[in-house]
Amino acid sequence: MSALPAAPHRDSLLRIDCEGAALVGLLSEPAAASMADMPPADTGVLLIVGGPQYRVGSHRQFTLLGRALAATGLPCLRLDHRGMGDAEGEQRGFDQLDADIAAALDAWQRERPALRRVVLWGLCDAASAALLYVHRRRDARIAGLCLANPWVRTEASLARTQVRHYYLDRLRQPAFWRKLLSGRVGLGAVRELLGKLAQGRAAPAGTATPADAAAADRRHYTEQMADGLRAFGGPVLLILSGDDYVAKEFLDRCRDGGPAWRGLLGRPGLRREDLPDADHTFSTAAWRAQVERLTAAFVRDVPAAT
């Protein structure tokens, strides 16, 4: 699949104040000549960067995504949240980004008053941050969510995923049993499998989300994510990589995560796109082009502001 057509775009720096700390945002928009032929955009994409990494992303994926969206007429803002890249402040986890996201939206609207609707885009724990934000803030500006390989990991969930998608596959292979019976697979490997089975049977972690002034909900972050996905009223694009344990864990959570997760993949307005061969970060040009096209088409279909 070819990449989105190359078209003029421009990048500009957006300075963002977040509770006294200066954040850095890069705003990618259609070039000035293109903007003259169209009204100011009322919809944009806020690309939340997970971590720990900064606004460029691995193999420049966020820079390229932002510019590709701008080339289709969709402005895209990507930022360094507090403690990352060129931003001030102490580093914080993905479950503590509510204030950073809200500050970015406020600054963007001040800079571009025509902006009324924003789609949040996140990969891995940035997708989790997007769901936590809509759950806690109920921000009316958020018109849609693009979630790529959302992060729902606990020690137990990782163990269950490894058992289901790695160890059970090995147990089905005659070569494994030949090696075991011949002594070429040591007892250590067997003990490792038994340990994973025990971990996978453990109850989900109940540790609370770290303190955040905006977070009154003290449940485990995965339960808050599920509530955010269930209650969000806008459309959702879910992109899942086939060659990725994080995506497999997410699907396992949707199937086995209890009442909070039951039926979420079938919620109204959710569109699921599977990239069977893609890795976690969509590292090839072909996979990146698929993500760009899926995102651009999804954002263009987001209902108009009322």
C-alpha atoms as a PDB file:
ATOM      1  CA  MET A   1       0.000   0.000   0.000  1.00  0.00           C
ATOM      2  CA  SER A   2       1.398   3.410  -0.947  1.00  0.00           C
ATOM      3  CA  ALA A   3       1.758   6.198   1.580  1.00  0.00           C
ATOM      4  CA  LEU A   4      -0.614   9.139   1.706  1.00  0.00           C
ATOM      5  CA  PRO A   5       0.045  11.584  -1.141  1.00  0.00           C
ATOM      6  CA  ALA A   6       2.807  14.055  -0.421  1.00  0.00           C
ATOM      7  CA  ALA A   7       1.322  17.537  -0.102  1.00  0.00           C
ATOM      8  CA  PRO A   8       2.543  20.780   1.436  1.00  0.00           C
ATOM      9  CA  HIS A   9       2.425  21.085   5.183  1.00  0.00           C
ATOM     10  CA  ARG A  10       3.955  23.390   7.747  1.00  0.00           C
ATOM     11  CA  ASP A  11       5.198  22.787  11.266  1.00  0.00           C
ATOM     12  CA  SER A  12       5.074  25.414  13.985  1.00  0.00           C
ATOM     13  CA  LEU A  13       6.002  25.480  17.649  1.00  0.00           C
ATOM     14  CA  LEU A  14       3.241  25.741  20.231  1.00  0.00           C
ATOM     15  CA  ARG A  15       4.221  26.619  23.769  1.00  0.00           C
ATOM     16  CA  ILE A  16       1.915  25.199  26.428  1.00  0.00           C
ATOM     17  CA  ASP A  17       1.700  26.052  30.111  1.00  0.00           C
ATOM     18  CA  CYS A  18       0.739  23.167  32.358  1.00  0.00           C
ATOM     19  CA  GLU A  19       0.492  23.978  36.042  1.00  0.00           C
ATOM     20  CA  GLY A  20       3.540  26.225  35.837  1.00  0.00           C
ATOM     21  CA  ALA A  21       5.635  23.923  33.639  1.00  0.00           C
ATOM     22  CA  ALA A  22       6.361  24.797  30.001  1.00  0.00           C
ATOM     23  CA  LEU A  23       5.496  22.059  27.521  1.00  0.00           C
ATOM     24  CA  VAL A  24       6.527  21.946  23.871  1.00  0.00           C
ATOM     25  CA  GLY A  25       4.060  21.062  21.140  1.00  0.00           C
ATOM     26  CA  LEU A  26       4.640  20.707  17.397  1.00  0.00           C
ATOM     27  CA  LEU A  27       1.639  21.663  15.305  1.00  0.00           C
ATOM     28  CA  SER A  28       1.517  20.226  11.773  1.00  0.00           C
ATOM     29  CA  GLU A  29      -0.983  21.947   9.455  1.00  0.00           C
ATOM     30  CA  PRO A  30      -1.640  22.319   5.743  1.00  0.00           C
ATOM     31  CA  ALA A  31       0.771  24.814   4.231  1.00  0.00           C
ATOM     32  CA  ALA A  32      -0.305  28.442   3.974  1.00  0.00           C
ATOM     33  CA  ALA A  33      -1.113  28.137   0.269  1.00  0.00           C
ATOM     34  CA  SER A  34      -3.383  25.173   0.930  1.00  0.00           C
ATOM     35  CA  MET A  35      -5.042  26.865   3.896  1.00  0.00           C
ATOM     36  CA  ALA A  36      -6.006  29.813   1.698  1.00  0.00           C
ATOM     37  CA  ASP A  37      -8.243  27.477  -0.310  1.00  0.00           C
ATOM     38  CA  MET A  38     -10.120  26.053   2.675  1.00  0.00           C
ATOM     39  CA  PRO A  39     -11.847  27.354   5.805  1.00  0.00           C
ATOM     40  CA  PRO A  40      -9.990  27.089   9.114  1.00  0.00           C
ATOM     41  CA  ALA A  41     -10.072  23.530  10.421  1.00  0.00           C
ATOM     42  CA  ASP A  42     -12.591  22.902  13.182  1.00  0.00           C
ATOM     43  CA  THR A  43     -11.283  19.365  13.842  1.00  0.00           C
ATOM     44  CA  GLY A  44      -7.771  18.328  14.793  1.00  0.00           C
ATOM     45  CA  VAL A  45      -5.852  15.334  16.093  1.00  0.00           C
ATOM     46  CA  LEU A  46      -3.989  15.493  19.395  1.00  0.00           C
ATOM     47  CA  LEU A  47      -1.288  12.849  19.251  1.00  0.00           C
ATOM     48  CA  ILE A  48      -0.528  11.767  22.820  1.00  0.00           C
ATOM     49  CA  VAL A  49       2.978  10.407  23.149  1.00  0.00           C
ATOM     50  CA  GLY A  50       3.433   7.433  25.449  1.00  0.00           C
ATOM     51  CA  GLY A  51       6.622   6.639  27.046  1.00  0.00           C
ATOM     52  CA  PRO A  52       9.068   7.049  27.949  1.00  0.00           C
ATOM     53  CA  GLN A  53       9.726   8.815  24.645  1.00  0.00           C
ATOM     54  CA  TYR A  54       9.289  12.269  23.161  1.00  0.00           C
ATOM     55  CA  ARG A  55       7.177  13.815  20.413  1.00  0.00           C
ATOM     56  CA  VAL A  56       9.133  12.387  17.444  1.00  0.00           C
ATOM     57  CA  GLY A  57       8.483   8.748  18.358  1.00  0.00           C
ATOM     58  CA  SER A  58      10.382   5.613  17.457  1.00  0.00           C
ATOM     59  CA  HIS A  59      11.566   5.612  13.811  1.00  0.00           C
ATOM     60  CA  ARG A  60       9.991   9.118  13.611  1.00  0.00           C
ATOM     61  CA  GLN A  61       6.523   7.589  13.531  1.00  0.00           C
ATOM     62  CA  PHE A  62       4.730  10.487  15.241  1.00  0.00           C
ATOM     63  CA  THR A  63       6.428  13.151  13.151  1.00  0.00           C
ATOM     64  CA  LEU A  64       5.512  11.276   9.981  1.00  0.00           C
ATOM     65  CA  LEU A  65       1.942  10.625  11.111  1.00  0.00           C
ATOM     66  CA  GLY A  66       1.372  14.261  12.049  1.00  0.00           C
ATOM     67  CA  ARG A  67       2.687  15.521   8.714  1.00  0.00           C
ATOM     68  CA  ALA A  68       0.737  12.919   6.764  1.00  0.00           C
ATOM     69  CA  LEU A  69      -2.497  14.000   8.432  1.00  0.00           C
ATOM     70  CA  ALA A  70      -1.692  17.665   7.778  1.00  0.00           C
ATOM     71  CA  ALA A  71      -1.156  16.807   4.113  1.00  0.00           C
ATOM     72  CA  THR A  72      -4.798  15.680   3.942  1.00  0.00           C
ATOM     73  CA  GLY A  73      -6.042  18.894   5.584  1.00  0.00           C
ATOM     74  CA  LEU A  74      -6.177  17.630   9.186  1.00  0.00           C
ATOM     75  CA  PRO A  75      -4.063  19.598  11.692  1.00  0.00           C
ATOM     76  CA  CYS A  76      -2.207  17.472  14.203  1.00  0.00           C
ATOM     77  CA  LEU A  77      -0.594  18.503  17.481  1.00  0.00           C
ATOM     78  CA  ARG A  78       1.983  16.308  19.203  1.00  0.00           C
ATOM     79  CA  LEU A  79       3.585  17.323  22.448  1.00  0.00           C
ATOM     80  CA  ASP A  80       6.143  16.522  25.072  1.00  0.00           C
ATOM     81  CA  HIS A  81       4.292  16.079  28.338  1.00  0.00           C
ATOM     82  CA  ARG A  82       5.921  17.084  31.594  1.00  0.00           C
ATOM     83  CA  GLY A  83       9.300  15.487  32.182  1.00  0.00           C
ATOM     84  CA  MET A  84       9.827  14.316  28.588  1.00  0.00           C
ATOM     85  CA  GLY A  85      11.735  15.733  25.638  1.00  0.00           C
ATOM     86  CA  ASP A  86      11.940  19.528  25.805  1.00  0.00           C
ATOM     87  CA  ALA A  87       9.188  19.911  28.425  1.00  0.00           C
ATOM     88  CA  GLU A  88       9.779  21.094  31.955  1.00  0.00           C
ATOM     89  CA  GLY A  89       8.617  19.349  35.096  1.00  0.00           C
ATOM     90  CA  GLU A  90       9.026  15.933  36.623  1.00  0.00           C
ATOM     91  CA  GLN A  91       8.469  12.819  34.554  1.00  0.00           C
ATOM     92  CA  ARG A  92       5.127  11.163  35.163  1.00  0.00           C
ATOM     93  CA  GLY A  93       3.359   7.986  34.131  1.00  0.00           C
ATOM     94  CA  PHE A  94       0.721   7.579  31.446  1.00  0.00           C
ATOM     95  CA  ASP A  95      -1.972   7.553  34.140  1.00  0.00           C
ATOM     96  CA  GLN A  96      -1.034  11.092  35.240  1.00  0.00           C
ATOM     97  CA  LEU A  97      -1.365  13.013  31.969  1.00  0.00           C
ATOM     98  CA  ASP A  98      -4.844  14.520  32.363  1.00  0.00           C
ATOM     99  CA  ALA A  99      -3.569  18.029  33.091  1.00  0.00           C
ATOM    100  CA  ASP A 100      -1.040  17.892  30.233  1.00  0.00           C
ATOM    101  CA  ILE A 101      -3.706  16.853  27.714  1.00  0.00           C
ATOM    102  CA  ALA A 102      -6.137  19.537  28.899  1.00  0.00           C
ATOM    103  CA  ALA A 103      -3.412  22.209  28.784  1.00  0.00           C
ATOM    104  CA  ALA A 104      -2.516  21.229  25.210  1.00  0.00           C
ATOM    105  CA  LEU A 105      -6.147  21.498  24.121  1.00  0.00           C
ATOM    106  CA  ASP A 106      -6.521  24.895  25.800  1.00  0.00           C
ATOM    107  CA  ALA A 107      -3.365  26.274  24.167  1.00  0.00           C
ATOM    108  CA  TRP A 108      -4.349  24.903  20.767  1.00  0.00           C
ATOM    109  CA  GLN A 109      -7.769  26.534  20.911  1.00  0.00           C
ATOM    110  CA  ARG A 110      -6.250  29.856  21.936  1.00  0.00           C
ATOM    111  CA  GLU A 111      -3.893  29.656  18.962  1.00  0.00           C
ATOM    112  CA  ARG A 112      -6.561  28.395  16.533  1.00  0.00           C
ATOM    113  CA  PRO A 113      -9.974  29.684  17.726  1.00  0.00           C
ATOM    114  CA  ALA A 114     -11.832  27.824  14.958  1.00  0.00           C
ATOM    115  CA  LEU A 115     -10.852  24.493  16.510  1.00  0.00           C
ATOM    116  CA  ARG A 116     -13.914  22.922  18.161  1.00  0.00           C
ATOM    117  CA  ARG A 117     -13.399  19.151  17.988  1.00  0.00           C
ATOM    118  CA  VAL A 118     -10.333  17.059  18.758  1.00  0.00           C
ATOM    119  CA  VAL A 119      -9.643  13.381  18.183  1.00  0.00           C
ATOM    120  CA  LEU A 120      -7.208  11.846  20.656  1.00  0.00           C
ATOM    121  CA  TRP A 121      -4.682   9.448  19.079  1.00  0.00           C
ATOM    122  CA  GLY A 122      -2.496   7.200  21.208  1.00  0.00           C
ATOM    123  CA  LEU A 123      -0.273   4.142  20.848  1.00  0.00           C
ATOM    124  CA  CYS A 124       0.228   1.694  23.726  1.00  0.00           C
ATOM    125  CA  ASP A 125       0.063   3.478  27.080  1.00  0.00           C
ATOM    126  CA  ALA A 126      -0.819   6.734  25.296  1.00  0.00           C
ATOM    127  CA  ALA A 127      -4.023   5.000  24.142  1.00  0.00           C
ATOM    128  CA  SER A 128      -4.584   4.100  27.786  1.00  0.00           C
ATOM    129  CA  ALA A 129      -3.987   7.744  28.735  1.00  0.00           C
ATOM    130  CA  ALA A 130      -6.631   8.822  26.207  1.00  0.00           C
ATOM    131  CA  LEU A 131      -9.223   6.485  27.741  1.00  0.00           C
ATOM    132  CA  LEU A 132      -8.330   7.635  31.251  1.00  0.00           C
ATOM    133  CA  TYR A 133      -8.709  11.261  30.148  1.00  0.00           C
ATOM    134  CA  VAL A 134     -12.196  10.840  28.696  1.00  0.00           C
ATOM    135  CA  HIS A 135     -13.216   8.847  31.778  1.00  0.00           C
ATOM    136  CA  ARG A 136     -12.000  11.427  34.297  1.00  0.00           C
ATOM    137  CA  ARG A 137     -12.509  14.730  32.497  1.00  0.00           C
ATOM    138  CA  ARG A 138     -15.596  14.147  30.311  1.00  0.00           C
ATOM    139  CA  ASP A 139     -14.210  16.856  28.016  1.00  0.00           C
ATOM    140  CA  ALA A 140     -16.850  17.843  25.461  1.00  0.00           C
ATOM    141  CA  ARG A 141     -14.149  18.824  22.968  1.00  0.00           C
ATOM    142  CA  ILE A 142     -13.133  15.186  22.461  1.00  0.00           C
ATOM    143  CA  ALA A 143     -15.009  14.019  19.367  1.00  0.00           C
ATOM    144  CA  GLY A 144     -13.300  10.677  18.751  1.00  0.00           C
ATOM    145  CA  LEU A 145     -10.581   8.279  19.871  1.00  0.00           C
ATOM    146  CA  CYS A 146      -7.918   6.483  17.840  1.00  0.00           C
ATOM    147  CA  LEU A 147      -6.477   3.705  20.013  1.00  0.00           C
ATOM    148  CA  ALA A 148      -3.529   1.664  18.740  1.00  0.00           C
ATOM    149  CA  ASN A 149      -2.518  -1.426  20.746  1.00  0.00           C
ATOM    150  CA  PRO A 150      -3.788  -0.123  24.113  1.00  0.00           C
ATOM    151  CA  TRP A 151      -1.764  -1.033  27.203  1.00  0.00           C
ATOM    152  CA  VAL A 152      -3.611  -3.002  29.908  1.00  0.00           C
ATOM    153  CA  ARG A 153      -0.687  -4.876  31.443  1.00  0.00           C
ATOM    154  CA  THR A 154      -0.449  -6.378  34.874  1.00  0.00           C
ATOM    155  CA  GLU A 155       1.927  -9.174  35.898  1.00  0.00           C
ATOM    156  CA  ALA A 156      -0.984 -11.607  35.792  1.00  0.00           C
ATOM    157  CA  SER A 157      -2.193 -10.462  32.371  1.00  0.00           C
ATOM    158  CA  LEU A 158       1.286 -10.769  30.884  1.00  0.00           C
ATOM    159  CA  ALA A 159       1.661 -14.284  32.302  1.00  0.00           C
ATOM    160  CA  ARG A 160      -1.733 -15.339  30.906  1.00  0.00           C
ATOM    161  CA  THR A 161      -0.886 -13.921  27.499  1.00  0.00           C
ATOM    162  CA  GLN A 162       2.478 -15.674  27.412  1.00  0.00           C
ATOM    163  CA  VAL A 163       0.871 -18.972  28.381  1.00  0.00           C
ATOM    164  CA  ARG A 164      -1.923 -18.623  25.832  1.00  0.00           C
ATOM    165  CA  HIS A 165       0.097 -17.309  22.899  1.00  0.00           C
ATOM    166  CA  TYR A 166       3.556 -18.786  23.459  1.00  0.00           C
ATOM    167  CA  TYR A 167       3.721 -21.711  25.849  1.00  0.00           C
ATOM    168  CA  LEU A 168       0.555 -23.443  24.644  1.00  0.00           C
ATOM    169  CA  ASP A 169       1.809 -23.182  21.071  1.00  0.00           C
ATOM    170  CA  ARG A 170       5.044 -24.860  22.153  1.00  0.00           C
ATOM    171  CA  LEU A 171       3.146 -27.626  23.926  1.00  0.00           C
ATOM    172  CA  ARG A 172       1.354 -28.389  20.663  1.00  0.00           C
ATOM    173  CA  GLN A 173       4.654 -28.869  18.825  1.00  0.00           C
ATOM    174  CA  PRO A 174       5.942 -32.460  18.629  1.00  0.00           C
ATOM    175  CA  ALA A 175       9.471 -31.087  18.499  1.00  0.00           C
ATOM    176  CA  PHE A 176       9.062 -29.663  22.008  1.00  0.00           C
ATOM    177  CA  TRP A 177       8.114 -33.063  23.453  1.00  0.00           C
ATOM    178  CA  ARG A 178      10.973 -34.777  21.617  1.00  0.00           C
ATOM    179  CA  LYS A 179      13.384 -32.269  23.126  1.00  0.00           C
ATOM    180  CA  LEU A 180      11.836 -32.672  26.563  1.00  0.00           C
ATOM    181  CA  LEU A 181      12.026 -36.472  26.492  1.00  0.00           C
ATOM    182  CA  SER A 182      15.574 -36.380  25.155  1.00  0.00           C
ATOM    183  CA  GLY A 183      16.670 -33.988  27.896  1.00  0.00           C
ATOM    184  CA  ARG A 184      17.386 -31.100  25.531  1.00  0.00           C
ATOM    185  CA  VAL A 185      14.666 -29.034  27.236  1.00  0.00           C
ATOM    186  CA  GLY A 186      15.648 -28.686  30.869  1.00  0.00           C
ATOM    187  CA  LEU A 187      13.433 -28.806  33.898  1.00  0.00           C
ATOM    188  CA  GLY A 188      13.979 -25.069  34.213  1.00  0.00           C
ATOM    189  CA  ALA A 189      11.774 -24.500  31.169  1.00  0.00           C
ATOM    190  CA  VAL A 190       9.060 -26.649  32.693  1.00  0.00           C
ATOM    191  CA  ARG A 191       9.293 -24.766  35.983  1.00  0.00           C
ATOM    192  CA  GLU A 192       9.048 -21.491  34.055  1.00  0.00           C
ATOM    193  CA  LEU A 193       5.816 -22.666  32.424  1.00  0.00           C
ATOM    194  CA  LEU A 194       4.360 -23.721  35.788  1.00  0.00           C
ATOM    195  CA  GLY A 195       5.321 -20.343  37.242  1.00  0.00           C
ATOM    196  CA  LYS A 196       3.548 -18.523  34.414  1.00  0.00           C
ATOM    197  CA  LEU A 197       0.446 -20.631  34.975  1.00  0.00           C
ATOM    198  CA  ALA A 198       0.454 -19.680  38.657  1.00  0.00           C
ATOM    199  CA  GLN A 199       0.928 -15.991  37.844  1.00  0.00           C
ATOM    200  CA  GLY A 200      -1.864 -16.112  35.295  1.00  0.00           C
ATOM    201  CA  ARG A 201      -4.291 -17.461  37.884  1.00  0.00           C
ATOM    202  CA  ALA A 202      -3.585 -14.572  40.248  1.00  0.00           C
ATOM    203  CA  ALA A 203      -6.342 -12.046  40.810  1.00  0.00           C
ATOM    204  CA  PRO A 204      -6.016  -8.775  38.893  1.00  0.00           C
ATOM    205  CA  ALA A 205      -3.931  -6.203  40.684  1.00  0.00           C
ATOM    206  CA  GLY A 206      -5.952  -3.796  42.764  1.00  0.00           C
ATOM    207  CA  THR A 207      -3.356  -1.102  43.238  1.00  0.00           C
ATOM    208  CA  ALA A 208      -4.729   2.398  42.953  1.00  0.00           C
ATOM    209  CA  THR A 209      -3.755   4.939  40.353  1.00  0.00           C
ATOM    210  CA  PRO A 210      -0.996   7.274  41.626  1.00  0.00           C
ATOM    211  CA  ALA A 211      -2.194  10.522  43.155  1.00  0.00           C
ATOM    212  CA  ASP A 212      -3.468  13.097  40.677  1.00  0.00           C
ATOM    213  CA  ALA A 213      -5.501  16.169  41.532  1.00  0.00           C
ATOM    214  CA  ALA A 214      -7.881  15.446  38.647  1.00  0.00           C
ATOM    215  CA  ALA A 215      -8.349  11.767  39.434  1.00  0.00           C
ATOM    216  CA  ALA A 216     -11.038  11.074  42.003  1.00  0.00           C
ATOM    217  CA  ASP A 217     -11.435   7.475  40.836  1.00  0.00           C
ATOM    218  CA  ARG A 218      -9.041   5.302  42.833  1.00  0.00           C
ATOM    219  CA  ARG A 219      -9.674   1.992  41.068  1.00  0.00           C
ATOM    220  CA  HIS A 220      -7.045   0.143  39.055  1.00  0.00           C
ATOM    221  CA  TYR A 221      -6.281   1.967  35.822  1.00  0.00           C
ATOM    222  CA  THR A 222      -7.606  -0.868  33.635  1.00  0.00           C
ATOM    223  CA  GLU A 223     -11.051  -0.616  35.223  1.00  0.00           C
ATOM    224  CA  GLN A 224     -11.053   3.132  34.617  1.00  0.00           C
ATOM    225  CA  MET A 225     -10.049   2.527  30.988  1.00  0.00           C
ATOM    226  CA  ALA A 226     -12.957   0.146  30.514  1.00  0.00           C
ATOM    227  CA  ASP A 227     -15.392   2.692  31.932  1.00  0.00           C
ATOM    228  CA  GLY A 228     -13.929   5.371  29.696  1.00  0.00           C
ATOM    229  CA  LEU A 229     -14.411   3.232  26.598  1.00  0.00           C
ATOM    230  CA  ARG A 230     -17.928   2.215  27.587  1.00  0.00           C
ATOM    231  CA  ALA A 231     -19.177   5.697  28.486  1.00  0.00           C
ATOM    232  CA  PHE A 232     -17.514   7.698  25.710  1.00  0.00           C
ATOM    233  CA  GLY A 233     -20.202   8.876  23.322  1.00  0.00           C
ATOM    234  CA  GLY A 234     -18.097   9.418  20.214  1.00  0.00           C
ATOM    235  CA  PRO A 235     -16.692   7.041  17.610  1.00  0.00           C
ATOM    236  CA  VAL A 236     -13.617   4.923  18.345  1.00  0.00           C
ATOM    237  CA  LEU A 237     -11.013   3.520  15.961  1.00  0.00           C
ATOM    238  CA  LEU A 238      -9.174   0.524  17.426  1.00  0.00           C
ATOM    239  CA  ILE A 239      -6.019  -0.508  15.523  1.00  0.00           C
ATOM    240  CA  LEU A 240      -4.443  -3.810  16.562  1.00  0.00           C
ATOM    241  CA  SER A 241      -1.149  -5.324  15.448  1.00  0.00           C
ATOM    242  CA  GLY A 242      -1.065  -9.058  14.888  1.00  0.00           C
ATOM    243  CA  ASP A 243       2.576  -9.491  15.899  1.00  0.00           C
ATOM    244  CA  ASP A 244       2.343  -7.788  19.280  1.00  0.00           C
ATOM    245  CA  TYR A 245       1.868  -9.146  22.804  1.00  0.00           C
ATOM    246  CA  VAL A 246       0.417  -5.796  23.953  1.00  0.00           C
ATOM    247  CA  ALA A 247      -2.417  -6.099  21.427  1.00  0.00           C
ATOM    248  CA  LYS A 248      -2.947  -9.743  22.394  1.00  0.00           C
ATOM    249  CA  GLU A 249      -3.148  -8.755  26.068  1.00  0.00           C
ATOM    250  CA  PHE A 250      -5.770  -6.155  25.204  1.00  0.00           C
ATOM    251  CA  LEU A 251      -7.901  -8.715  23.366  1.00  0.00           C
ATOM    252  CA  ASP A 252      -7.472 -11.156  26.245  1.00  0.00           C
ATOM    253  CA  ARG A 253      -8.593  -8.456  28.672  1.00  0.00           C
ATOM    254  CA  CYS A 254     -11.689  -7.752  26.574  1.00  0.00           C
ATOM    255  CA  ARG A 255     -12.523 -11.450  26.699  1.00  0.00           C
ATOM    256  CA  ASP A 256     -11.489 -12.364  30.259  1.00  0.00           C
ATOM    257  CA  GLY A 257     -11.412  -9.045  32.111  1.00  0.00           C
ATOM    258  CA  GLY A 258     -14.719  -9.458  33.891  1.00  0.00           C
ATOM    259  CA  PRO A 259     -17.921  -7.392  33.751  1.00  0.00           C
ATOM    260  CA  ALA A 260     -16.109  -4.084  33.223  1.00  0.00           C
ATOM    261  CA  TRP A 261     -14.709  -5.291  29.882  1.00  0.00           C
ATOM    262  CA  ARG A 262     -17.510  -7.554  28.719  1.00  0.00           C
ATOM    263  CA  GLY A 263     -18.910  -6.606  25.325  1.00  0.00           C
ATOM    264  CA  LEU A 264     -16.682  -3.566  24.788  1.00  0.00           C
ATOM    265  CA  LEU A 265     -15.422  -4.711  21.403  1.00  0.00           C
ATOM    266  CA  GLY A 266     -19.026  -4.673  20.246  1.00  0.00           C
ATOM    267  CA  ARG A 267     -19.913  -1.241  21.612  1.00  0.00           C
ATOM    268  CA  PRO A 268     -21.724   1.080  19.168  1.00  0.00           C
ATOM    269  CA  GLY A 269     -19.386   3.327  17.240  1.00  0.00           C
ATOM    270  CA  LEU A 270     -16.264   1.163  17.636  1.00  0.00           C
ATOM    271  CA  ARG A 271     -14.451   0.284  14.437  1.00  0.00           C
ATOM    272  CA  ARG A 272     -11.761  -2.377  14.741  1.00  0.00           C
ATOM    273  CA  GLU A 273      -8.940  -2.664  12.222  1.00  0.00           C
ATOM    274  CA  ASP A 274      -6.458  -5.554  12.452  1.00  0.00           C
ATOM    275  CA  LEU A 275      -3.042  -5.398  10.809  1.00  0.00           C
ATOM    276  CA  PRO A 276      -2.157  -9.109  10.994  1.00  0.00           C
ATOM    277  CA  ASP A 277       1.583  -8.889  10.322  1.00  0.00           C
ATOM    278  CA  ALA A 278       2.335  -5.515  11.927  1.00  0.00           C
ATOM    279  CA  ASP A 279       4.563  -5.092  14.964  1.00  0.00           C
ATOM    280  CA  HIS A 280       3.823  -2.892  17.952  1.00  0.00           C
ATOM    281  CA  THR A 281       5.017   0.401  16.431  1.00  0.00           C
ATOM    282  CA  PHE A 282       4.039  -0.205  12.756  1.00  0.00           C
ATOM    283  CA  SER A 283       7.706   0.056  11.868  1.00  0.00           C
ATOM    284  CA  THR A 284       7.583  -0.466   8.083  1.00  0.00           C
ATOM    285  CA  ALA A 285       6.517   2.097   5.505  1.00  0.00           C
ATOM    286  CA  ALA A 286       3.602  -0.119   4.450  1.00  0.00           C
ATOM    287  CA  TRP A 287       2.249  -0.517   7.996  1.00  0.00           C
ATOM    288  CA  ARG A 288       2.729   3.185   8.671  1.00  0.00           C
ATOM    289  CA  ALA A 289       0.814   4.041   5.493  1.00  0.00           C
ATOM    290  CA  GLN A 290      -2.076   1.823   6.600  1.00  0.00           C
ATOM    291  CA  VAL A 291      -2.255   3.602   9.953  1.00  0.00           C
ATOM    292  CA  GLU A 292      -2.140   6.998   8.253  1.00  0.00           C
ATOM    293  CA  ARG A 293      -4.976   6.119   5.896  1.00  0.00           C
ATOM    294  CA  LEU A 294      -7.123   4.539   8.575  1.00  0.00           C
ATOM    295  CA  THR A 295      -6.663   7.558  10.843  1.00  0.00           C
ATOM    296  CA  ALA A 296      -7.361  10.148   8.149  1.00  0.00           C
ATOM    297  CA  ALA A 297     -10.505   8.362   6.974  1.00  0.00           C
ATOM    298  CA  PHE A 298     -11.750   7.943  10.538  1.00  0.00           C
ATOM    299  CA  VAL A 299     -11.234  11.590  11.499  1.00  0.00           C
ATOM    300  CA  ARG A 300     -12.970  12.828   8.344  1.00  0.00           C
ATOM    301  CA  ASP A 301     -16.012  10.752   9.315  1.00  0.00           C
ATOM    302  CA  VAL A 302     -16.247  12.119  12.872  1.00  0.00           C
ATOM    303  CA  PRO A 303     -19.677  13.788  13.233  1.00  0.00           C
ATOM    304  CA  ALA A 304     -19.783  17.546  12.882  1.00  0.00           C
ATOM    305  CA  ALA A 305     -19.863  19.747  15.967  1.00  0.00           C
ATOM    306  CA  THR A 306     -23.287  20.912  17.087  1.00  0.00           C
END
